[in-house]
């Protein structure tokens, strides 16, 4: 499994080895030894595994968890195709406000790790796009927040030719500047502290 750091500090994309034969394909989307070699710590203890299925053009995000408590994610796309975004929302981070994007699909089987405080978004490039999430904390709607995926100050490079289909929550999401002014963005130091238990394992 190859690991590559993304433009957002602490976020990585992992590309596994694929083993095809006449029967099909076998692939491991996560391997602890390779994860530890790249990040210097174990993957978080998994508290929840979630799954979404989206039609073409669906855009979800930019979602993040209030910190504390904070949450890390490990995301891959077992069906369809999605352009996946990581956005640094951590005030005080050396890469605050920056983003990076990765095409996730069942051809390359890439996975993305997002540390606590990093926002996540994706756009389904085709229908029946499935996203699977390993989460370090169970979903609690009281702690789940969003920044607008259309915020021109962030300027995500959304796939051309698709009109984003947004939920009411995502249509009403604040801009990055509004979220910061409202005190809703996580502090980098607090996010680092949330990740420490994994580093100790």
Protein backbone atom coordinates (compact mmCIF):
# COMPACT_ATOMS: atom_id res chain seq x y z
CA UNK A 1 0.00 0.00 0.00
CA UNK A 2 1.46 3.36 -1.07
CA UNK A 3 0.87 6.44 1.08
CA UNK A 4 1.02 9.99 -0.20
CA UNK A 5 0.57 13.13 1.92
CA UNK A 6 -2.03 15.58 0.65
CA UNK A 7 -1.80 19.37 0.62
CA UNK A 8 -3.68 19.48 3.95
CA UNK A 9 -1.38 18.76 6.90
CA UNK A 10 -1.99 15.28 8.32
CA UNK A 11 -4.26 14.09 5.49
CA UNK A 12 -3.13 11.18 3.31
CA UNK A 13 -4.24 9.15 0.31
CA UNK A 14 -3.52 5.42 0.33
CA UNK A 15 -3.32 3.32 -2.84
CA UNK A 16 -3.39 -0.45 -2.22
CA UNK A 17 -2.02 -3.30 -4.27
CA UNK A 18 -4.69 -4.90 -6.47
CA UNK A 19 -4.71 -8.65 -7.06
CA UNK A 20 -6.73 -9.51 -10.19
CA UNK A 21 -7.27 -12.94 -11.68
CA UNK A 22 -9.83 -14.69 -13.87
CA UNK A 23 -12.30 -14.70 -10.95
CA UNK A 24 -12.17 -10.95 -10.31
CA UNK A 25 -10.20 -8.79 -7.91
CA UNK A 26 -8.99 -8.93 -4.31
CA UNK A 27 -7.88 -5.74 -2.56
CA UNK A 28 -7.25 -4.58 1.01
CA UNK A 29 -8.38 -0.99 1.52
CA UNK A 30 -6.52 -0.66 4.81
CA UNK A 31 -3.34 -2.15 6.25
CA UNK A 32 -2.23 -1.14 9.73
CA UNK A 33 1.52 -1.53 9.11
CA UNK A 34 1.48 0.77 6.07
CA UNK A 35 -0.73 3.31 7.83
CA UNK A 36 1.59 3.39 10.84
CA UNK A 37 4.68 3.69 8.63
CA UNK A 38 3.18 6.76 6.90
CA UNK A 39 1.67 8.59 9.88
CA UNK A 40 3.68 7.29 12.80
CA UNK A 41 0.63 6.06 14.68
CA UNK A 42 -2.17 3.53 14.45
CA UNK A 43 -5.52 4.12 12.85
CA UNK A 44 -8.11 5.32 15.35
CA UNK A 45 -10.33 2.84 17.17
CA UNK A 46 -13.32 2.50 14.83
CA UNK A 47 -16.54 3.63 16.51
CA UNK A 48 -18.82 3.61 13.45
CA UNK A 49 -18.82 2.42 9.83
CA UNK A 50 -21.15 4.33 7.50
CA UNK A 51 -22.18 4.04 3.87
CA UNK A 52 -23.78 6.43 1.40
CA UNK A 53 -25.11 5.89 -2.11
CA UNK A 54 -25.50 8.89 -4.41
CA UNK A 55 -26.84 9.70 -7.85
CA UNK A 56 -24.69 11.59 -10.34
CA UNK A 57 -24.06 15.19 -9.34
CA UNK A 58 -24.76 14.79 -5.62
CA UNK A 59 -22.38 16.96 -3.62
CA UNK A 60 -22.01 16.29 0.11
CA UNK A 61 -20.09 18.57 2.43
CA UNK A 62 -17.99 20.28 3.50
CA UNK A 63 -18.73 18.35 6.71
CA UNK A 64 -16.76 18.30 9.95
CA UNK A 65 -17.20 17.43 13.61
CA UNK A 66 -17.04 20.00 16.40
CA UNK A 67 -13.71 19.63 18.26
CA UNK A 68 -13.78 18.57 20.97
CA UNK A 69 -15.03 15.88 20.68
CA UNK A 70 -13.63 15.73 17.12
CA UNK A 71 -13.58 12.80 14.73
CA UNK A 72 -11.17 11.30 12.21
CA UNK A 73 -12.30 9.54 9.02
CA UNK A 74 -10.97 6.92 6.62
CA UNK A 75 -12.95 6.99 3.37
CA UNK A 76 -13.06 4.91 0.19
CA UNK A 77 -15.37 4.38 -2.78
CA UNK A 78 -16.21 0.73 -3.55
CA UNK A 79 -18.64 1.54 -6.39
CA UNK A 80 -19.13 4.40 -8.83
CA UNK A 81 -16.75 7.37 -8.94
CA UNK A 82 -16.37 10.35 -6.63
CA UNK A 83 -14.16 13.37 -6.56
CA UNK A 84 -13.20 13.58 -2.90
CA UNK A 85 -12.06 16.74 -1.12
CA UNK A 86 -10.20 17.38 2.12
CA UNK A 87 -10.37 20.97 3.41
CA UNK A 88 -8.33 22.32 6.31
CA UNK A 89 -10.76 24.07 8.66
CA UNK A 90 -8.40 24.05 11.67
CA UNK A 91 -7.66 27.57 12.89
CA UNK A 92 -3.92 27.80 13.50
CA UNK A 93 -3.03 24.94 11.16
CA UNK A 94 -0.05 25.54 8.84
CA UNK A 95 -2.38 24.68 5.93
CA UNK A 96 -5.55 26.43 7.16
CA UNK A 97 -7.96 27.15 4.29
CA UNK A 98 -6.15 24.87 1.84
CA UNK A 99 -7.74 21.87 0.16
CA UNK A 100 -6.80 18.87 -1.94
CA UNK A 101 -8.80 16.50 -4.11
CA UNK A 102 -8.56 12.83 -5.04
CA UNK A 103 -10.56 10.75 -7.50
CA UNK A 104 -11.90 7.71 -5.65
CA UNK A 105 -13.17 4.70 -7.60
CA UNK A 106 -13.15 0.88 -7.65
CA UNK A 107 -10.45 0.86 -10.33
CA UNK A 108 -7.61 2.23 -8.19
CA UNK A 109 -9.23 1.57 -4.78
CA UNK A 110 -7.67 4.63 -3.15
CA UNK A 111 -8.64 5.62 0.38
CA UNK A 112 -8.30 8.97 2.14
CA UNK A 113 -7.47 9.62 5.78
CA UNK A 114 -8.80 12.85 7.34
CA UNK A 115 -7.51 13.81 10.79
CA UNK A 116 -9.83 15.53 13.29
CA UNK A 117 -10.89 19.02 12.25
CA UNK A 118 -10.35 18.50 8.53
CA UNK A 119 -13.50 18.99 6.48
CA UNK A 120 -14.73 16.36 4.04
CA UNK A 121 -16.72 16.73 0.84
CA UNK A 122 -17.28 14.79 -2.35
CA UNK A 123 -19.13 14.98 -5.63
CA UNK A 124 -20.56 11.82 -7.22
CA UNK A 125 -19.25 11.72 -10.79
CA UNK A 126 -21.67 8.96 -11.74
CA UNK A 127 -24.85 7.43 -10.35
CA UNK A 128 -24.76 4.62 -7.80
CA UNK A 129 -21.61 6.03 -6.26
CA UNK A 130 -21.02 4.36 -2.91
CA UNK A 131 -18.84 5.88 -0.20
CA UNK A 132 -17.77 3.96 2.89
CA UNK A 133 -16.53 5.74 6.00
CA UNK A 134 -14.66 4.44 9.03
CA UNK A 135 -15.20 6.94 11.85
CA UNK A 136 -13.43 7.43 15.16
CA UNK A 137 -16.63 8.64 16.83
CA UNK A 138 -20.31 7.80 16.49
CA UNK A 139 -22.47 10.31 14.67
CA UNK A 140 -24.05 12.93 16.92
CA UNK A 141 -26.07 15.56 15.05
CA UNK A 142 -25.36 18.11 17.78
CA UNK A 143 -21.66 18.01 16.89
CA UNK A 144 -21.90 17.82 13.08
CA UNK A 145 -21.27 21.07 11.23
CA UNK A 146 -20.81 22.19 7.64
CA UNK A 147 -19.08 24.84 5.57
CA UNK A 148 -20.40 25.60 2.09
CA UNK A 149 -18.96 23.46 -0.68
CA UNK A 150 -19.63 26.44 -2.97
CA UNK A 151 -17.70 28.99 -0.88
CA UNK A 152 -15.75 31.04 -3.46
CA UNK A 153 -13.05 31.79 -0.89
CA UNK A 154 -12.25 28.06 -0.69
CA UNK A 155 -12.77 27.63 -4.45
CA UNK A 156 -13.00 23.86 -4.70
CA UNK A 157 -12.34 22.63 -8.22
CA UNK A 158 -15.69 20.86 -8.65
CA UNK A 159 -16.06 18.49 -11.62
CA UNK A 160 -17.01 20.32 -14.82
CA UNK A 161 -20.38 19.67 -16.44
CA UNK A 162 -22.20 18.70 -13.25
CA UNK A 163 -24.69 20.88 -11.40
CA UNK A 164 -24.17 20.12 -7.69
CA UNK A 165 -27.22 18.53 -6.06
CA UNK A 166 -27.17 19.67 -2.43
CA UNK A 167 -29.19 18.81 0.65
CA UNK A 168 -31.06 21.69 2.36
CA UNK A 169 -28.44 21.58 5.13
CA UNK A 170 -25.56 21.95 2.67
CA UNK A 171 -27.32 24.69 0.69
CA UNK A 172 -27.64 26.72 3.90
CA UNK A 173 -24.11 26.08 5.18
CA UNK A 174 -21.99 29.05 6.24
CA UNK A 175 -18.93 30.21 4.35
CA UNK A 176 -15.54 29.58 5.93
CA UNK A 177 -15.32 33.24 7.03
CA UNK A 178 -18.81 33.13 8.57
CA UNK A 179 -18.06 29.90 10.44
CA UNK A 180 -14.83 31.35 11.80
CA UNK A 181 -16.52 34.59 12.86
CA UNK A 182 -19.17 32.54 14.69
CA UNK A 183 -16.50 30.59 16.56
CA UNK A 184 -17.53 27.31 14.94
CA UNK A 185 -14.21 26.22 13.47
CA UNK A 186 -11.93 23.83 15.36
CA UNK A 187 -8.60 24.96 16.80
CA UNK A 188 -5.55 23.15 15.44
CA UNK A 189 -4.14 22.43 18.91
CA UNK A 190 -7.43 20.87 20.04
CA UNK A 191 -7.52 18.69 16.94
CA UNK A 192 -3.95 17.53 17.57
CA UNK A 193 -4.92 16.62 21.14
CA UNK A 194 -7.85 14.51 19.91
CA UNK A 195 -5.50 12.57 17.64
CA UNK A 196 -3.02 11.88 20.47
CA UNK A 197 -4.69 8.67 21.75
CA UNK A 198 -4.10 7.05 18.34
CA UNK A 199 -0.49 8.23 18.42
CA UNK A 200 -0.02 6.54 21.78
CA UNK A 201 -1.20 3.16 20.49
